[in-house]
Amino acid sequence: MKTPQKLKEVLEQFTPVYTIDGLTRQFEDIAQVVFNGHFVVNGEYEIYPIDIEFYFHDEENGIIVEPQMYHKGDFPYFPVGSIYPHSSGVDMTFEREGKYRASFLMRGYTYKSVSGEKEEYTNKTNNKKSPFRSQYLWEDLLGNASVFGKGLNIVWVDNAEFKKVNIASSARVNVNKISGENGDRMWHFTNLDMIK
């Protein structure tokens, strides 16, 4: 990545290369940007993604397919930056109608209240909520809404200064090997600077 960018710009400008290795490099660049920002929920607390994995499905030519992706085929396309909760967790999408489906799944995060309380929830840590379950992120990211109050307000905030993060790449969690591919897709990225 030549210059640090904002997450919205990176996802909107994403132009996929259609090789596993090429996508791996592109996804690592996006992970750097993701790990340089956070969600603010109702102005009350922050959610910092620290463990994410990418999914990509070529709808136009079928060059790279994702058999286990939840939103593909006849499913409606999501605008870039949509939050999509499902049984495995919560995705942030960046798709192009008629072209491809793409998203990153948040597998771990740090929760920080405005009062400074900080708790980490990942599939790698042992804490009071371990092992990580997708319901924790649903509750923390999406469960603080009142139809009688201000509703739910989730905003992405990029860090004021971009700082290169120490990232580990690994195979995705609980994803079957894709038939015909030599190895696992190494599209799981962990922010080692945030993991204890």
Protein backbone atom coordinates (compact mmCIF):
# COMPACT_ATOMS: atom_id res chain seq x y z
CA MET A 1 0.00 0.00 0.00
CA LYS A 2 1.61 3.26 -1.13
CA THR A 3 -0.18 5.77 1.05
CA PRO A 4 -2.32 5.22 4.13
CA GLN A 5 -5.99 5.59 3.30
CA LYS A 6 -9.27 5.71 5.10
CA LEU A 7 -11.24 2.46 5.30
CA LYS A 8 -14.18 3.82 3.30
CA GLU A 9 -11.85 4.84 0.45
CA VAL A 10 -9.95 1.54 0.50
CA LEU A 11 -13.15 -0.53 0.29
CA GLU A 12 -14.74 1.69 -2.37
CA GLN A 13 -11.58 1.63 -4.53
CA PHE A 14 -10.95 -2.11 -4.14
CA THR A 15 -10.24 -3.69 -7.53
CA PRO A 16 -9.62 -7.40 -7.05
CA VAL A 17 -6.88 -9.41 -8.66
CA TYR A 18 -8.11 -12.89 -9.45
CA THR A 19 -5.42 -15.02 -7.84
CA ILE A 20 -5.29 -16.33 -4.29
CA ASP A 21 -1.81 -14.86 -3.69
CA GLY A 22 -2.81 -11.50 -5.15
CA LEU A 23 -5.96 -11.32 -3.05
CA THR A 24 -3.94 -12.30 0.04
CA ARG A 25 -1.69 -9.25 -0.48
CA GLN A 26 -4.70 -6.99 -1.09
CA PHE A 27 -6.49 -8.27 2.02
CA GLU A 28 -3.42 -7.76 4.18
CA ASP A 29 -3.28 -4.14 2.99
CA ILE A 30 -6.97 -3.71 3.91
CA ALA A 31 -6.33 -5.36 7.30
CA GLN A 32 -3.68 -2.70 8.00
CA VAL A 33 -6.35 -0.03 7.49
CA VAL A 34 -8.96 -1.91 9.55
CA PHE A 35 -6.48 -2.23 12.42
CA ASN A 36 -5.96 1.54 12.24
CA GLY A 37 -9.52 2.37 13.20
CA HIS A 38 -12.52 1.38 15.27
CA PHE A 39 -16.30 1.52 15.59
CA VAL A 40 -17.95 4.00 17.93
CA VAL A 41 -21.33 2.73 19.16
CA ASN A 42 -23.88 5.31 20.30
CA GLY A 43 -21.00 7.55 21.39
CA GLU A 44 -20.69 5.33 24.47
CA TYR A 45 -18.00 2.77 23.65
CA GLU A 46 -15.56 1.65 20.98
CA ILE A 47 -15.03 -1.69 19.24
CA TYR A 48 -11.53 -2.30 17.85
CA PRO A 49 -11.31 -5.24 15.40
CA ILE A 50 -8.15 -7.23 16.22
CA ASP A 51 -8.82 -10.54 14.47
CA ILE A 52 -10.48 -10.61 11.02
CA GLU A 53 -10.77 -12.91 8.03
CA PHE A 54 -11.71 -12.20 4.43
CA TYR A 55 -14.16 -13.83 2.07
CA PHE A 56 -14.32 -13.31 -1.70
CA HIS A 57 -16.67 -14.79 -4.30
CA ASP A 58 -16.43 -13.97 -8.03
CA GLU A 59 -20.03 -13.76 -9.25
CA GLU A 60 -19.16 -12.65 -12.79
CA ASN A 61 -16.71 -15.31 -14.01
CA GLY A 62 -16.45 -17.87 -11.20
CA ILE A 63 -12.64 -17.66 -11.14
CA ILE A 64 -12.46 -17.65 -7.33
CA VAL A 65 -15.47 -19.06 -5.50
CA GLU A 66 -16.33 -19.13 -1.82
CA PRO A 67 -18.59 -22.12 -1.10
CA GLN A 68 -19.15 -21.14 2.53
CA MET A 69 -20.00 -17.47 1.97
CA TYR A 70 -23.40 -16.53 3.40
CA HIS A 71 -24.31 -13.71 1.01
CA LYS A 72 -23.98 -14.74 -2.64
CA GLY A 73 -26.10 -15.89 -5.56
CA ASP A 74 -29.66 -14.52 -5.40
CA PHE A 75 -28.95 -12.70 -2.16
CA PRO A 76 -29.20 -8.88 -2.58
CA TYR A 77 -25.94 -6.96 -2.88
CA PHE A 78 -24.89 -4.83 0.08
CA PRO A 79 -23.60 -1.27 -0.24
CA VAL A 80 -19.92 -0.87 0.66
CA GLY A 81 -19.51 -0.70 4.43
CA SER A 82 -22.68 -2.58 5.32
CA ILE A 83 -22.75 -4.54 8.56
CA TYR A 84 -24.10 -8.06 8.04
CA PRO A 85 -24.68 -10.24 11.14
CA HIS A 86 -24.99 -14.01 10.63
CA SER A 87 -24.47 -17.22 12.58
CA SER A 88 -20.65 -17.04 12.36
CA GLY A 89 -20.34 -13.41 13.45
CA VAL A 90 -20.56 -9.98 11.85
CA ASP A 91 -19.25 -9.07 8.39
CA MET A 92 -18.40 -5.69 6.90
CA THR A 93 -19.09 -5.91 3.18
CA PHE A 94 -17.48 -4.42 0.08
CA GLU A 95 -19.26 -5.85 -2.96
CA ARG A 96 -19.82 -4.83 -6.59
CA GLU A 97 -23.18 -5.76 -8.05
CA GLY A 98 -22.85 -8.37 -10.80
CA LYS A 99 -19.10 -8.64 -10.22
CA TYR A 100 -18.12 -10.04 -6.83
CA ARG A 101 -18.99 -10.47 -3.17
CA ALA A 102 -16.38 -9.48 -0.59
CA SER A 103 -16.35 -9.00 3.15
CA PHE A 104 -14.30 -9.34 6.27
CA LEU A 105 -15.58 -11.23 9.28
CA MET A 106 -14.68 -9.88 12.70
CA ARG A 107 -13.45 -12.84 14.75
CA GLY A 108 -12.04 -10.88 17.66
CA TYR A 109 -12.15 -7.39 19.06
CA THR A 110 -11.33 -5.13 21.95
CA TYR A 111 -14.16 -3.32 23.72
CA LYS A 112 -13.38 0.02 25.32
CA SER A 113 -15.98 2.09 27.16
CA VAL A 114 -15.73 5.87 27.26
CA SER A 115 -14.85 5.48 30.95
CA GLY A 116 -11.73 3.58 29.88
CA GLU A 117 -12.86 0.01 30.67
CA LYS A 118 -11.16 -2.31 28.20
CA GLU A 119 -11.89 -5.97 27.52
CA GLU A 120 -10.59 -8.21 24.76
CA TYR A 121 -12.68 -10.87 23.04
CA THR A 122 -11.02 -13.07 20.44
CA ASN A 123 -10.97 -16.71 19.49
CA LYS A 124 -7.40 -16.81 20.87
CA THR A 125 -7.73 -15.50 24.42
CA ASN A 126 -8.84 -16.95 27.71
CA ASN A 127 -11.04 -14.52 29.57
CA LYS A 128 -14.47 -14.48 31.15
CA LYS A 129 -16.14 -14.70 27.74
CA SER A 130 -13.79 -17.25 26.21
CA PRO A 131 -14.02 -19.02 23.92
CA PHE A 132 -15.13 -16.25 21.57
CA ARG A 133 -18.71 -16.55 20.38
CA SER A 134 -20.26 -14.44 17.65
CA GLN A 135 -23.07 -13.44 20.01
CA TYR A 136 -20.61 -11.28 21.98
CA LEU A 137 -19.97 -9.06 18.98
CA TRP A 138 -23.68 -9.01 18.10
CA GLU A 139 -24.42 -7.79 21.62
CA ASP A 140 -21.62 -5.23 21.79
CA LEU A 141 -21.91 -3.87 18.24
CA LEU A 142 -25.63 -4.20 17.59
CA GLY A 143 -27.38 -4.71 20.91
CA ASN A 144 -27.42 -1.20 22.33
CA ALA A 145 -30.44 0.17 20.50
CA SER A 146 -33.72 1.54 21.78
CA VAL A 147 -36.64 2.25 19.50
CA PHE A 148 -37.77 4.87 22.02
CA GLY A 149 -34.39 6.56 22.39
CA LYS A 150 -31.76 7.60 19.91
CA GLY A 151 -31.78 4.23 18.14
CA LEU A 152 -28.54 2.57 17.11
CA ASN A 153 -25.66 4.65 15.81
CA ILE A 154 -22.52 2.81 14.62
CA VAL A 155 -19.78 4.96 13.08
CA TRP A 156 -16.39 3.90 11.74
CA VAL A 157 -13.53 6.18 12.85
CA ASP A 158 -10.08 5.99 11.25
CA ASN A 159 -7.14 6.74 13.54
CA ALA A 160 -5.80 10.29 13.24
CA GLU A 161 -2.37 8.85 12.45
CA PHE A 162 -1.80 5.70 10.42
CA LYS A 163 0.66 3.32 12.07
CA LYS A 164 1.86 0.11 10.40
CA VAL A 165 0.65 -2.82 12.51
CA ASN A 166 2.45 -6.11 13.15
CA ILE A 167 0.09 -8.65 11.52
CA ALA A 168 0.05 -12.45 11.49
CA SER A 169 -1.60 -14.22 8.57
CA SER A 170 -3.09 -17.68 8.98
CA ALA A 171 -5.71 -20.04 7.59
CA ARG A 172 -9.31 -19.06 8.26
CA VAL A 173 -11.06 -20.61 11.25
CA ASN A 174 -13.58 -23.45 10.70
CA VAL A 175 -13.48 -23.05 6.91
CA ASN A 176 -13.21 -26.19 4.77
CA LYS A 177 -10.36 -26.40 2.30
CA ILE A 178 -11.57 -25.34 -1.15
CA SER A 179 -11.69 -28.27 -3.58
CA GLY A 180 -8.95 -28.04 -6.21
CA GLU A 181 -6.76 -25.58 -4.28
CA ASN A 182 -3.28 -26.58 -3.08
CA GLY A 183 -3.55 -25.07 0.38
CA ASP A 184 -5.69 -23.08 2.75
CA ARG A 185 -6.53 -19.47 2.01
CA MET A 186 -4.38 -17.46 4.42
CA TRP A 187 -6.97 -14.73 4.75
CA HIS A 188 -7.14 -14.61 8.54
CA PHE A 189 -5.27 -11.61 9.94
CA THR A 190 -4.47 -10.86 13.57
CA ASN A 191 -3.21 -7.56 14.97
CA LEU A 192 -0.29 -8.85 17.06
CA ASP A 193 0.22 -5.42 18.59
CA MET A 194 -3.20 -5.74 20.30
CA ILE A 195 -3.10 -9.43 21.31
CA LYS A 196 -1.77 -10.10 24.80
